[in-house]
């Protein structure tokens, strides 16, 4: 096995291994996040759909990463480069959407929305907001891991094909002949 392929496999494995604890800790921070306030009552993650969505996507990404690691030891699944390319892409997009939902929640929690008479909530639920921020940072790091995994998967799929240089050289030759 060439050294570059060994390095690529090591990077792939490291990124997939990194996603698991990042996602699990993000889930734990989010699910255990609750705060009571004498004026406004109790706030839990389950009160906010965007947080529930992020928890689901984190669980899916951790499970998929574990499945991909296990399948890397099985030769029959290792040859399914297209499967990993599509799966990595889909998970990357899902992580982007769930992260965006939580960013919106945090924006509204810190700034409110004067047009609809929503006041900001983080002054009353500061600990809750801080834990959501940490969970979002961990989610973002896992997202960047999946972005890199998507690039690696794309490289693995498309490096099997020759570049279309034969056609482009022929077209270039024809253009030069027509110009003369």
Foldseek 3Di string as FASTA:
>chain_A
DDPVVVVLVVLLLVLLVLLQVLLVVLLVLQQPQKDQFPVPGIDHSVVAPLSVLSNVLSVVSNVVSVVVNVCVVPPVCVPPLVVQLVVLVVSLVSLVVSLVSLVVVLCCQQCNDVVVPGHHNCVRVVVSSVSSVSSSVSSVSSSVSSVVSNVSSVCVVVVVDDPPVVVVVVVVVVVVVVVD
